Amino acid sequence: MSVKNDDISLITQSFPSLESSGYEVTSAATKEYNCIAWAAGEDDIWWWPHHDSYWPTGIPKEEKIESFIEAYQTIGYEICKTSNFAQGYEKIAIYTKIIDGKSIPTHAARQLPNGKWTSKLGTKEDIEHNDLNAISGFWYGYHVRYMKRAISM
């Protein structure tokens, strides 16, 4: 896959820790899906609790961590304590940021079978990264909840 130097530069400017912790761009930029969908294993729909996006039926359309947890529970995820790799499980990490005094979900990353993480960076590329903390900070806040589901064979 061909990635422009400008795209790589923008990624490392936005997330300076990625360069030292290691990452790889794994897809071209697209507006077809976002990080919340990508963490759910979807690459053809935009997940967000708004009227113009997909959101699981029956789950409150609220930008609250509880709604995001409930959304992922509809596809088999359950809360777990850590982001540590666990053989036979796929994990996600949900990020929140304090906005106007409220903790708002901003991002989700999914753990790959090799123990690394994959993230969709807004409408930009997907990346594979070694460390959840490498994308923490200004844009996404911090990973605060972890969920897991058994990998179906």
Protein backbone atom coordinates (compact mmCIF):
# COMPACT_ATOMS: atom_id res chain seq x y z
CA MET A 1 0.00 0.00 0.00
CA SER A 2 1.26 3.44 -0.86
CA VAL A 3 1.07 6.10 1.84
CA LYS A 4 2.07 9.69 1.23
CA ASN A 5 4.83 11.21 3.34
CA ASP A 6 2.38 14.00 4.26
CA ASP A 7 0.03 11.41 5.78
CA ILE A 8 2.83 9.84 7.83
CA SER A 9 3.96 13.28 8.94
CA LEU A 10 0.42 14.18 10.05
CA ILE A 11 0.12 10.92 12.01
CA THR A 12 3.39 11.46 13.87
CA GLN A 13 2.59 15.14 14.50
CA SER A 14 -0.79 14.21 15.96
CA PHE A 15 0.57 11.25 17.94
CA PRO A 16 4.28 11.87 18.58
CA SER A 17 4.71 8.73 20.75
CA LEU A 18 3.81 6.46 17.84
CA GLU A 19 7.18 6.89 16.19
CA SER A 20 9.17 5.69 19.18
CA SER A 21 6.76 2.92 20.19
CA GLY A 22 6.31 1.63 16.65
CA TYR A 23 3.40 1.65 14.24
CA GLU A 24 2.51 0.76 10.68
CA VAL A 25 -0.14 2.23 8.38
CA THR A 26 -2.36 -0.66 7.28
CA SER A 27 -5.02 0.99 5.10
CA ALA A 28 -5.70 4.03 2.99
CA ALA A 29 -7.77 6.90 4.39
CA THR A 30 -11.55 6.47 4.11
CA LYS A 31 -14.74 8.06 5.40
CA GLU A 32 -16.68 4.77 5.14
CA TYR A 33 -16.17 3.81 8.81
CA ASN A 34 -14.74 5.16 12.06
CA CYS A 35 -12.73 3.80 14.97
CA ILE A 36 -15.81 2.69 16.91
CA ALA A 37 -16.96 0.56 13.97
CA TRP A 38 -13.40 -0.64 13.28
CA ALA A 39 -13.05 -1.86 16.89
CA ALA A 40 -16.32 -3.76 16.36
CA GLY A 41 -14.85 -5.40 13.25
CA GLU A 42 -16.82 -3.28 10.75
CA ASP A 43 -15.26 -1.49 7.79
CA ASP A 44 -18.31 -0.32 5.89
CA ILE A 45 -20.38 1.70 8.35
CA TRP A 46 -19.95 4.64 10.73
CA TRP A 47 -20.88 3.86 14.37
CA TRP A 48 -21.83 6.77 16.59
CA PRO A 49 -24.82 7.49 18.86
CA HIS A 50 -26.33 10.09 16.51
CA HIS A 51 -29.37 9.98 14.25
CA ASP A 52 -27.28 9.93 11.05
CA SER A 53 -24.97 7.07 12.08
CA TYR A 54 -25.42 3.39 12.88
CA TRP A 55 -26.04 2.56 16.54
CA PRO A 56 -27.27 -0.80 17.86
CA THR A 57 -31.02 -0.94 18.39
CA GLY A 58 -32.15 -0.38 21.95
CA ILE A 59 -28.91 1.24 23.12
CA PRO A 60 -29.20 4.85 24.33
CA LYS A 61 -27.89 7.30 21.75
CA GLU A 62 -25.74 9.13 24.29
CA GLU A 63 -22.09 10.05 24.22
CA LYS A 64 -21.45 8.27 27.51
CA ILE A 65 -19.11 5.40 28.27
CA GLU A 66 -22.07 3.30 29.42
CA SER A 67 -23.72 3.56 25.99
CA PHE A 68 -20.53 2.52 24.23
CA ILE A 69 -20.10 -0.44 26.58
CA GLU A 70 -23.71 -1.49 25.92
CA ALA A 71 -23.17 -1.12 22.16
CA TYR A 72 -20.17 -3.46 22.24
CA GLN A 73 -22.05 -5.90 24.48
CA THR A 74 -24.56 -6.38 21.64
CA ILE A 75 -21.78 -8.06 19.64
CA GLY A 76 -20.46 -10.25 22.42
CA TYR A 77 -17.98 -8.11 24.31
CA GLU A 78 -17.89 -8.05 28.10
CA ILE A 79 -16.01 -5.76 30.47
CA CYS A 80 -12.59 -6.96 31.59
CA LYS A 81 -9.98 -5.50 33.91
CA THR A 82 -6.92 -5.02 31.73
CA SER A 83 -5.69 -4.56 28.20
CA ASN A 84 -3.20 -7.41 28.63
CA PHE A 85 -3.17 -9.94 25.82
CA ALA A 86 -5.24 -13.07 26.57
CA GLN A 87 -4.99 -16.07 24.25
CA GLY A 88 -8.37 -16.91 22.71
CA TYR A 89 -9.84 -13.44 23.25
CA GLU A 90 -10.15 -10.28 21.22
CA LYS A 91 -9.99 -7.11 23.29
CA ILE A 92 -10.95 -3.50 22.75
CA ALA A 93 -9.95 -0.38 24.62
CA ILE A 94 -12.31 2.58 24.86
CA TYR A 95 -10.84 6.07 25.18
CA THR A 96 -12.51 9.07 26.77
CA LYS A 97 -11.64 12.73 27.01
CA ILE A 98 -12.92 15.38 29.39
CA ILE A 99 -14.94 17.88 27.33
CA ASP A 100 -16.91 20.63 29.09
CA GLY A 101 -16.45 18.78 32.38
CA LYS A 102 -17.86 15.50 31.03
CA SER A 103 -16.06 12.28 30.17
CA ILE A 104 -16.89 11.70 26.49
CA PRO A 105 -15.92 8.58 24.48
CA THR A 106 -13.60 9.56 21.65
CA HIS A 107 -11.89 6.45 20.30
CA ALA A 108 -11.70 2.68 20.42
CA ALA A 109 -8.83 0.36 19.50
CA ARG A 110 -8.95 -3.40 18.89
CA GLN A 111 -6.29 -5.88 19.87
CA LEU A 112 -5.02 -8.13 17.11
CA PRO A 113 -4.16 -11.84 17.44
CA ASN A 114 -0.46 -10.87 17.49
CA GLY A 115 -1.01 -8.74 20.64
CA LYS A 116 -0.63 -5.43 18.82
CA TRP A 117 -3.48 -2.92 18.47
CA THR A 118 -5.31 -1.52 15.48
CA SER A 119 -6.90 1.92 15.33
CA LYS A 120 -8.78 3.89 12.71
CA LEU A 121 -7.62 7.49 12.93
CA GLY A 122 -10.80 9.47 12.27
CA THR A 123 -11.34 9.66 8.51
CA LYS A 124 -7.67 8.90 7.95
CA GLU A 125 -5.81 5.59 7.84
CA ASP A 126 -5.94 2.49 9.99
CA ILE A 127 -2.75 1.80 11.87
CA GLU A 128 -1.29 -1.14 13.74
CA HIS A 129 0.47 0.06 16.89
CA ASN A 130 2.34 -1.57 19.74
CA ASP A 131 1.17 0.58 22.63
CA LEU A 132 -2.26 1.93 23.58
CA ASN A 133 -0.59 4.91 25.25
CA ALA A 134 1.00 5.99 21.98
CA ILE A 135 -2.32 7.48 20.83
CA SER A 136 -3.35 8.82 24.25
CA GLY A 137 -3.37 12.54 24.90
CA PHE A 138 -4.78 15.61 23.22
CA TRP A 139 -6.90 14.01 20.48
CA TYR A 140 -8.38 10.95 22.16
CA GLY A 141 -7.79 11.37 25.86
CA TYR A 142 -6.97 8.10 27.57
CA HIS A 143 -8.02 4.46 27.44
CA VAL A 144 -10.30 3.91 30.42
CA ARG A 145 -12.29 0.71 29.77
CA TYR A 146 -11.42 -2.67 28.34
CA MET A 147 -13.69 -5.31 26.92
CA LYS A 148 -13.11 -8.81 25.58
CA ARG A 149 -14.91 -11.49 23.62
CA ALA A 150 -13.93 -15.01 22.77
CA ILE A 151 -12.45 -15.40 19.30
CA SER A 152 -14.75 -17.58 17.24
CA MET A 153 -12.95 -20.37 15.48
